[in-house]
């Protein structure tokens, strides 16, 4: 089962997994969505791979590295988190509410769309 973490609690998760390596936020939104709203990587590495490309680009991700999956509202990222889990990734969570919730809870400079 994939752990769901609200954006406001993501920094605490980053700290808890730091001994495992630098955490990754895997943003699975489409390029046009990234142009509308994106994160500034602070305390994590930001990796952007559209949902439809994750399977073919799986080698770009480290199965031992902590990964928090993110999309617009959290549905696509949950599917990707489950996929990564099924592929043997060890430390995967889903950011509930996606970038929309990130804007509301963490950084209001990120546009809601």
Protein backbone atom coordinates (compact mmCIF):
# COMPACT_ATOMS: atom_id res chain seq x y z
CA UNK A 1 0.00 0.00 0.00
CA UNK A 2 1.27 3.43 -0.96
CA UNK A 3 1.56 6.06 1.75
CA UNK A 4 -0.29 9.30 1.05
CA UNK A 5 1.39 12.47 2.25
CA UNK A 6 -0.16 15.95 2.13
CA UNK A 7 2.18 18.62 0.75
CA UNK A 8 2.39 20.33 4.13
CA UNK A 9 3.96 17.16 5.59
CA UNK A 10 6.38 16.50 2.74
CA UNK A 11 9.31 18.35 4.34
CA UNK A 12 9.03 16.10 7.40
CA UNK A 13 9.05 13.05 5.11
CA UNK A 14 12.13 14.41 3.30
CA UNK A 15 13.92 14.65 6.65
CA UNK A 16 12.89 11.14 7.68
CA UNK A 17 14.20 9.57 4.45
CA UNK A 18 17.32 11.72 4.08
CA UNK A 19 19.59 8.88 5.37
CA UNK A 20 18.46 6.88 2.32
CA UNK A 21 19.60 9.57 -0.11
CA UNK A 22 18.34 12.84 -1.52
CA UNK A 23 14.58 12.54 -1.95
CA UNK A 24 13.07 12.92 -5.41
CA UNK A 25 9.78 14.55 -6.31
CA UNK A 26 8.66 12.81 -9.49
CA UNK A 27 6.29 15.17 -11.29
CA UNK A 28 4.27 13.11 -13.80
CA UNK A 29 2.30 15.97 -15.33
CA UNK A 30 2.43 16.88 -19.02
CA UNK A 31 4.86 19.55 -20.31
CA UNK A 32 2.03 22.06 -20.81
CA UNK A 33 1.04 21.63 -17.16
CA UNK A 34 4.63 22.18 -16.07
CA UNK A 35 4.65 25.48 -17.96
CA UNK A 36 1.56 26.57 -16.02
CA UNK A 37 2.81 25.65 -12.55
CA UNK A 38 6.00 24.04 -11.32
CA UNK A 39 7.93 23.49 -8.11
CA UNK A 40 11.25 24.96 -7.08
CA UNK A 41 13.44 22.13 -5.84
CA UNK A 42 14.39 22.96 -2.25
CA UNK A 43 15.61 20.01 -0.20
CA UNK A 44 14.81 17.51 -2.94
CA UNK A 45 15.59 16.68 -6.55
CA UNK A 46 12.82 17.43 -9.03
CA UNK A 47 12.41 14.92 -11.86
CA UNK A 48 9.75 15.51 -14.51
CA UNK A 49 8.56 12.54 -16.57
CA UNK A 50 5.06 12.58 -18.07
CA UNK A 51 2.92 9.72 -16.78
CA UNK A 52 2.82 8.00 -20.17
CA UNK A 53 6.63 7.92 -20.37
CA UNK A 54 7.47 6.60 -16.91
CA UNK A 55 7.59 2.92 -17.92
CA UNK A 56 9.96 3.57 -20.83
CA UNK A 57 12.15 5.90 -18.75
CA UNK A 58 12.22 3.78 -15.58
CA UNK A 59 16.01 3.45 -15.81
CA UNK A 60 16.27 7.19 -15.01
CA UNK A 61 15.01 6.48 -11.47
CA UNK A 62 16.86 4.74 -8.65
CA UNK A 63 14.72 2.05 -6.95
CA UNK A 64 16.49 2.66 -3.62
CA UNK A 65 16.00 6.43 -3.64
CA UNK A 66 12.98 7.94 -1.82
CA UNK A 67 10.43 9.14 -4.39
CA UNK A 68 7.35 11.31 -3.82
CA UNK A 69 5.02 11.20 -6.84
CA UNK A 70 3.17 14.39 -7.82
CA UNK A 71 0.59 15.37 -10.43
CA UNK A 72 -2.23 17.92 -10.64
CA UNK A 73 -4.60 16.49 -8.01
CA UNK A 74 -3.00 13.18 -6.99
CA UNK A 75 -4.75 10.56 -9.13
CA UNK A 76 -2.12 10.05 -11.83
CA UNK A 77 0.68 10.20 -9.30
CA UNK A 78 -1.01 7.48 -7.24
CA UNK A 79 -1.10 5.24 -10.31
CA UNK A 80 2.60 5.88 -10.90
CA UNK A 81 3.43 5.32 -7.22
CA UNK A 82 1.67 1.95 -7.38
CA UNK A 83 3.52 1.12 -10.61
CA UNK A 84 6.89 2.01 -9.07
CA UNK A 85 6.05 -0.09 -6.02
CA UNK A 86 5.24 -3.06 -8.30
CA UNK A 87 8.61 -2.58 -10.00
CA UNK A 88 10.51 -2.96 -6.72
CA UNK A 89 10.97 0.68 -5.76
CA UNK A 90 11.43 0.69 -2.00
CA UNK A 91 10.43 4.14 -0.71
CA UNK A 92 7.54 5.61 -2.70
CA UNK A 93 4.80 7.95 -1.51
CA UNK A 94 2.02 9.87 -3.21
CA UNK A 95 1.55 13.61 -2.69
CA UNK A 96 -2.18 13.91 -2.02
CA UNK A 97 -3.91 16.79 -3.71
CA UNK A 98 -1.00 17.25 -6.10
CA UNK A 99 0.36 20.60 -7.13
CA UNK A 100 -3.04 22.15 -6.49
CA UNK A 101 -2.75 21.31 -2.79
CA UNK A 102 0.94 22.33 -2.87
CA UNK A 103 -0.16 25.80 -3.95
CA UNK A 104 -2.77 25.98 -1.17
CA UNK A 105 -0.70 24.43 1.65
CA UNK A 106 2.97 25.14 0.92
CA UNK A 107 3.65 27.78 -1.71
CA UNK A 108 0.91 30.19 -2.82
CA UNK A 109 3.24 31.56 -5.53
CA UNK A 110 2.60 28.32 -7.45
CA UNK A 111 -0.48 29.02 -9.61
CA UNK A 112 -3.62 26.95 -9.18
CA UNK A 113 -5.10 25.74 -12.43
